[in-house]
Amino acid sequence: MDILLSLTLRLFSNLLITLGGIDINKFYLASSLNNKDMVRHVSMQLIDKGYIHTYDWTKNEHAATIEDLREIGLHEKKAVLDADFIIVLLRAGKGSHIEFGIALGQGKNIYLYSPNDDINKFETTSTFYHLPNVKKCIGTIEALIDEVTESQPIFS
């Protein structure tokens, strides 16, 4: 997307939030630190389309203390609760699955991405992957982004 158009969309989104009255859908991305580049790519694609990312955990340094973990946990929990929907990019660790559970408990739409069909194989799946508000996206990251933007309007 053209950089000027992208900046204009971001400024317009921020103005609408500031003025109130119109809610812009917010998202949270859960995944493993090993997928940091993919998380950043998906985030930028959605931000460029006008969505708001509730918290970018990829900017964090590795936690060195229990206090660091607590602070990160507080930010990530708030971000999941503030989001209108979340995206989980597999392979994901235990923290991502806890975030998945928080979103599930809140009744949020969850987009579960896997590059392969492992999420549908009995030996490698999870009970919770098959609940009604979990939308499974298998294939390319571009297909995931298309699925999200087609089914999740920017304005709520």
C-alpha atoms as a PDB file:
ATOM      1  CA  MET A   1       0.000   0.000   0.000  1.00  0.00           C
ATOM      2  CA  ASP A   2       1.177   3.498  -0.737  1.00  0.00           C
ATOM      3  CA  ILE A   3       2.928   4.990   2.322  1.00  0.00           C
ATOM      4  CA  LEU A   4       0.925   8.236   2.148  1.00  0.00           C
ATOM      5  CA  LEU A   5      -2.371   6.346   2.031  1.00  0.00           C
ATOM      6  CA  SER A   6      -1.260   4.151   4.933  1.00  0.00           C
ATOM      7  CA  LEU A   7      -0.353   7.180   7.062  1.00  0.00           C
ATOM      8  CA  THR A   8      -3.629   8.881   6.147  1.00  0.00           C
ATOM      9  CA  LEU A   9      -5.602   5.802   7.247  1.00  0.00           C
ATOM     10  CA  ARG A  10      -3.743   5.694  10.561  1.00  0.00           C
ATOM     11  CA  LEU A  11      -4.315   9.400  11.217  1.00  0.00           C
ATOM     12  CA  PHE A  12      -8.001   9.096  10.279  1.00  0.00           C
ATOM     13  CA  SER A  13      -8.368   6.072  12.578  1.00  0.00           C
ATOM     14  CA  ASN A  14      -6.751   7.932  15.463  1.00  0.00           C
ATOM     15  CA  LEU A  15      -8.967  10.962  14.857  1.00  0.00           C
ATOM     16  CA  LEU A  16     -12.102   8.821  14.951  1.00  0.00           C
ATOM     17  CA  ILE A  17     -10.991   7.222  18.197  1.00  0.00           C
ATOM     18  CA  THR A  18     -10.208  10.622  19.709  1.00  0.00           C
ATOM     19  CA  LEU A  19     -13.538  12.112  18.650  1.00  0.00           C
ATOM     20  CA  GLY A  20     -15.470   9.011  19.680  1.00  0.00           C
ATOM     21  CA  GLY A  21     -18.670   7.732  18.169  1.00  0.00           C
ATOM     22  CA  ILE A  22     -17.110   5.241  15.796  1.00  0.00           C
ATOM     23  CA  ASP A  23     -15.319   2.153  17.016  1.00  0.00           C
ATOM     24  CA  ILE A  24     -12.514   0.724  14.937  1.00  0.00           C
ATOM     25  CA  ASN A  25     -11.958  -2.992  15.353  1.00  0.00           C
ATOM     26  CA  LYS A  26      -8.910  -3.838  17.401  1.00  0.00           C
ATOM     27  CA  PHE A  27      -6.870  -7.026  17.168  1.00  0.00           C
ATOM     28  CA  TYR A  28      -4.259  -8.878  19.172  1.00  0.00           C
ATOM     29  CA  LEU A  29      -1.708 -11.274  17.681  1.00  0.00           C
ATOM     30  CA  ALA A  30      -0.541 -14.276  19.705  1.00  0.00           C
ATOM     31  CA  SER A  31       2.363 -16.474  18.689  1.00  0.00           C
ATOM     32  CA  SER A  32       5.821 -17.667  19.594  1.00  0.00           C
ATOM     33  CA  LEU A  33       8.868 -15.389  19.701  1.00  0.00           C
ATOM     34  CA  ASN A  34      10.162 -17.631  16.902  1.00  0.00           C
ATOM     35  CA  ASN A  35       7.404 -16.170  14.688  1.00  0.00           C
ATOM     36  CA  LYS A  36       8.233 -12.532  15.482  1.00  0.00           C
ATOM     37  CA  ASP A  37       8.774 -11.557  11.819  1.00  0.00           C
ATOM     38  CA  MET A  38       5.496 -13.169  10.745  1.00  0.00           C
ATOM     39  CA  VAL A  39       3.650 -11.416  13.603  1.00  0.00           C
ATOM     40  CA  ARG A  40       5.087  -8.068  12.500  1.00  0.00           C
ATOM     41  CA  HIS A  41       4.121  -8.731   8.881  1.00  0.00           C
ATOM     42  CA  VAL A  42       0.500  -9.601   9.728  1.00  0.00           C
ATOM     43  CA  SER A  43       0.267  -6.657  12.120  1.00  0.00           C
ATOM     44  CA  MET A  44       1.497  -4.162   9.520  1.00  0.00           C
ATOM     45  CA  GLN A  45      -0.872  -5.548   6.883  1.00  0.00           C
ATOM     46  CA  LEU A  46      -3.864  -5.125   9.189  1.00  0.00           C
ATOM     47  CA  ILE A  47      -2.762  -1.690  10.457  1.00  0.00           C
ATOM     48  CA  ASP A  48      -2.337  -0.557   6.846  1.00  0.00           C
ATOM     49  CA  LYS A  49      -5.939  -1.585   6.224  1.00  0.00           C
ATOM     50  CA  GLY A  50      -7.136   0.494   9.192  1.00  0.00           C
ATOM     51  CA  TYR A  51      -7.332  -1.963  12.117  1.00  0.00           C
ATOM     52  CA  ILE A  52      -5.764  -1.158  15.495  1.00  0.00           C
ATOM     53  CA  HIS A  53      -3.210  -3.456  17.132  1.00  0.00           C
ATOM     54  CA  THR A  54      -3.794  -3.480  20.899  1.00  0.00           C
ATOM     55  CA  TYR A  55      -0.221  -4.367  21.869  1.00  0.00           C
ATOM     56  CA  ASP A  56       2.958  -5.236  19.987  1.00  0.00           C
ATOM     57  CA  TRP A  57       4.800  -7.687  22.215  1.00  0.00           C
ATOM     58  CA  THR A  58       7.479  -8.207  19.543  1.00  0.00           C
ATOM     59  CA  LYS A  59       9.105  -4.962  20.748  1.00  0.00           C
ATOM     60  CA  ASN A  60       9.765  -6.490  24.198  1.00  0.00           C
ATOM     61  CA  GLU A  61      13.198  -7.579  25.289  1.00  0.00           C
ATOM     62  CA  HIS A  62      13.500 -11.125  26.617  1.00  0.00           C
ATOM     63  CA  ALA A  63      12.291 -11.236  30.208  1.00  0.00           C
ATOM     64  CA  ALA A  64      15.148 -11.528  32.680  1.00  0.00           C
ATOM     65  CA  THR A  65      13.193 -11.629  35.952  1.00  0.00           C
ATOM     66  CA  ILE A  66       9.873 -12.745  37.377  1.00  0.00           C
ATOM     67  CA  GLU A  67       8.934  -9.045  37.637  1.00  0.00           C
ATOM     68  CA  ASP A  68       9.564  -8.664  33.872  1.00  0.00           C
ATOM     69  CA  LEU A  69       7.283 -11.638  33.216  1.00  0.00           C
ATOM     70  CA  ARG A  70       4.567 -10.132  35.436  1.00  0.00           C
ATOM     71  CA  GLU A  71       4.733  -6.761  33.641  1.00  0.00           C
ATOM     72  CA  ILE A  72       4.602  -8.386  30.207  1.00  0.00           C
ATOM     73  CA  GLY A  73       1.731 -10.601  31.359  1.00  0.00           C
ATOM     74  CA  LEU A  74      -0.269  -7.587  32.553  1.00  0.00           C
ATOM     75  CA  HIS A  75       0.206  -5.799  29.213  1.00  0.00           C
ATOM     76  CA  GLU A  76      -0.659  -8.880  27.164  1.00  0.00           C
ATOM     77  CA  LYS A  77      -3.749  -9.743  29.245  1.00  0.00           C
ATOM     78  CA  LYS A  78      -5.051  -6.173  28.885  1.00  0.00           C
ATOM     79  CA  ALA A  79      -4.355  -6.259  25.144  1.00  0.00           C
ATOM     80  CA  VAL A  80      -6.323  -9.498  24.699  1.00  0.00           C
ATOM     81  CA  LEU A  81      -9.233  -8.100  26.721  1.00  0.00           C
ATOM     82  CA  ASP A  82      -9.153  -4.808  24.752  1.00  0.00           C
ATOM     83  CA  ALA A  83      -9.132  -6.587  21.377  1.00  0.00           C
ATOM     84  CA  ASP A  84     -12.293  -7.235  19.394  1.00  0.00           C
ATOM     85  CA  PHE A  85     -10.709 -10.357  17.920  1.00  0.00           C
ATOM     86  CA  ILE A  86      -7.419 -12.204  18.172  1.00  0.00           C
ATOM     87  CA  ILE A  87      -5.215 -14.051  15.751  1.00  0.00           C
ATOM     88  CA  VAL A  88      -3.102 -16.991  16.889  1.00  0.00           C
ATOM     89  CA  LEU A  89      -0.226 -17.935  14.598  1.00  0.00           C
ATOM     90  CA  LEU A  90       0.916 -21.508  15.140  1.00  0.00           C
ATOM     91  CA  ARG A  91       3.435 -22.832  16.263  1.00  0.00           C
ATOM     92  CA  ALA A  92       2.616 -21.049  19.446  1.00  0.00           C
ATOM     93  CA  GLY A  93       3.751 -21.592  22.991  1.00  0.00           C
ATOM     94  CA  LYS A  94       1.984 -21.833  26.320  1.00  0.00           C
ATOM     95  CA  GLY A  95       1.578 -18.048  26.666  1.00  0.00           C
ATOM     96  CA  SER A  96      -0.227 -17.859  23.330  1.00  0.00           C
ATOM     97  CA  HIS A  97      -2.537 -20.668  24.353  1.00  0.00           C
ATOM     98  CA  ILE A  98      -3.346 -18.856  27.591  1.00  0.00           C
ATOM     99  CA  GLU A  99      -4.155 -15.742  25.512  1.00  0.00           C
ATOM    100  CA  PHE A 100      -6.289 -17.993  23.288  1.00  0.00           C
ATOM    101  CA  GLY A 101      -8.136 -19.171  26.423  1.00  0.00           C
ATOM    102  CA  ILE A 102      -8.718 -15.624  27.681  1.00  0.00           C
ATOM    103  CA  ALA A 103     -10.197 -14.638  24.315  1.00  0.00           C
ATOM    104  CA  LEU A 104     -12.279 -17.819  24.182  1.00  0.00           C
ATOM    105  CA  GLY A 105     -13.662 -17.131  27.647  1.00  0.00           C
ATOM    106  CA  GLN A 106     -14.594 -13.612  26.546  1.00  0.00           C
ATOM    107  CA  GLY A 107     -16.456 -14.946  23.487  1.00  0.00           C
ATOM    108  CA  LYS A 108     -14.159 -13.156  21.039  1.00  0.00           C
ATOM    109  CA  ASN A 109     -13.622 -14.302  17.475  1.00  0.00           C
ATOM    110  CA  ILE A 110     -10.344 -16.163  17.191  1.00  0.00           C
ATOM    111  CA  TYR A 111      -8.494 -16.712  13.919  1.00  0.00           C
ATOM    112  CA  LEU A 112      -6.256 -19.748  14.292  1.00  0.00           C
ATOM    113  CA  TYR A 113      -3.573 -19.888  11.608  1.00  0.00           C
ATOM    114  CA  SER A 114      -1.544 -22.932  10.647  1.00  0.00           C
ATOM    115  CA  PRO A 115       0.540 -23.338   7.505  1.00  0.00           C
ATOM    116  CA  ASN A 116      -0.483 -27.019   7.411  1.00  0.00           C
ATOM    117  CA  ASP A 117      -3.416 -29.236   8.378  1.00  0.00           C
ATOM    118  CA  ASP A 118      -2.045 -30.317  11.788  1.00  0.00           C
ATOM    119  CA  ILE A 119      -4.870 -28.484  13.570  1.00  0.00           C
ATOM    120  CA  ASN A 120      -7.316 -30.948  12.011  1.00  0.00           C
ATOM    121  CA  LYS A 121      -5.331 -34.095  12.831  1.00  0.00           C
ATOM    122  CA  PHE A 122      -6.578 -35.902  15.914  1.00  0.00           C
ATOM    123  CA  GLU A 123      -3.042 -36.562  17.171  1.00  0.00           C
ATOM    124  CA  THR A 124      -1.944 -32.899  17.037  1.00  0.00           C
ATOM    125  CA  THR A 125      -5.094 -30.853  17.601  1.00  0.00           C
ATOM    126  CA  SER A 126      -6.734 -29.372  20.687  1.00  0.00           C
ATOM    127  CA  THR A 127     -10.352 -29.624  21.807  1.00  0.00           C
ATOM    128  CA  PHE A 128     -10.659 -25.846  21.855  1.00  0.00           C
ATOM    129  CA  TYR A 129      -9.513 -25.400  18.236  1.00  0.00           C
ATOM    130  CA  HIS A 130     -12.896 -26.709  17.079  1.00  0.00           C
ATOM    131  CA  LEU A 131     -15.287 -24.426  18.956  1.00  0.00           C
ATOM    132  CA  PRO A 132     -17.725 -22.197  17.035  1.00  0.00           C
ATOM    133  CA  ASN A 133     -15.942 -18.854  17.462  1.00  0.00           C
ATOM    134  CA  VAL A 134     -12.582 -20.289  16.325  1.00  0.00           C
ATOM    135  CA  LYS A 135     -12.018 -19.763  12.614  1.00  0.00           C
ATOM    136  CA  LYS A 136      -9.303 -22.082  11.326  1.00  0.00           C
ATOM    137  CA  CYS A 137      -7.131 -20.658   8.547  1.00  0.00           C
ATOM    138  CA  ILE A 138      -4.821 -23.123   6.832  1.00  0.00           C
ATOM    139  CA  GLY A 139      -2.376 -22.168   4.092  1.00  0.00           C
ATOM    140  CA  THR A 140      -0.634 -18.885   3.395  1.00  0.00           C
ATOM    141  CA  ILE A 141      -0.377 -15.793   5.559  1.00  0.00           C
ATOM    142  CA  GLU A 142      -1.970 -13.820   2.721  1.00  0.00           C
ATOM    143  CA  ALA A 143      -5.014 -16.130   2.853  1.00  0.00           C
ATOM    144  CA  LEU A 144      -5.245 -15.501   6.607  1.00  0.00           C
ATOM    145  CA  ILE A 145      -5.143 -11.730   6.105  1.00  0.00           C
ATOM    146  CA  ASP A 146      -7.825 -12.006   3.400  1.00  0.00           C
ATOM    147  CA  GLU A 147     -10.017 -14.119   5.708  1.00  0.00           C
ATOM    148  CA  VAL A 148      -9.698 -11.626   8.553  1.00  0.00           C
ATOM    149  CA  THR A 149     -10.377  -8.554   6.421  1.00  0.00           C
ATOM    150  CA  GLU A 150     -13.331 -10.175   4.655  1.00  0.00           C
ATOM    151  CA  SER A 151     -15.047 -11.411   7.830  1.00  0.00           C
ATOM    152  CA  GLN A 152     -14.037  -8.756  10.363  1.00  0.00           C
ATOM    153  CA  PRO A 153     -15.168  -5.234   9.391  1.00  0.00           C
ATOM    154  CA  ILE A 154     -12.842  -2.344  10.260  1.00  0.00           C
ATOM    155  CA  PHE A 155     -15.655  -0.381  11.900  1.00  0.00           C
ATOM    156  CA  SER A 156     -17.863  -1.998  14.520  1.00  0.00           C
END
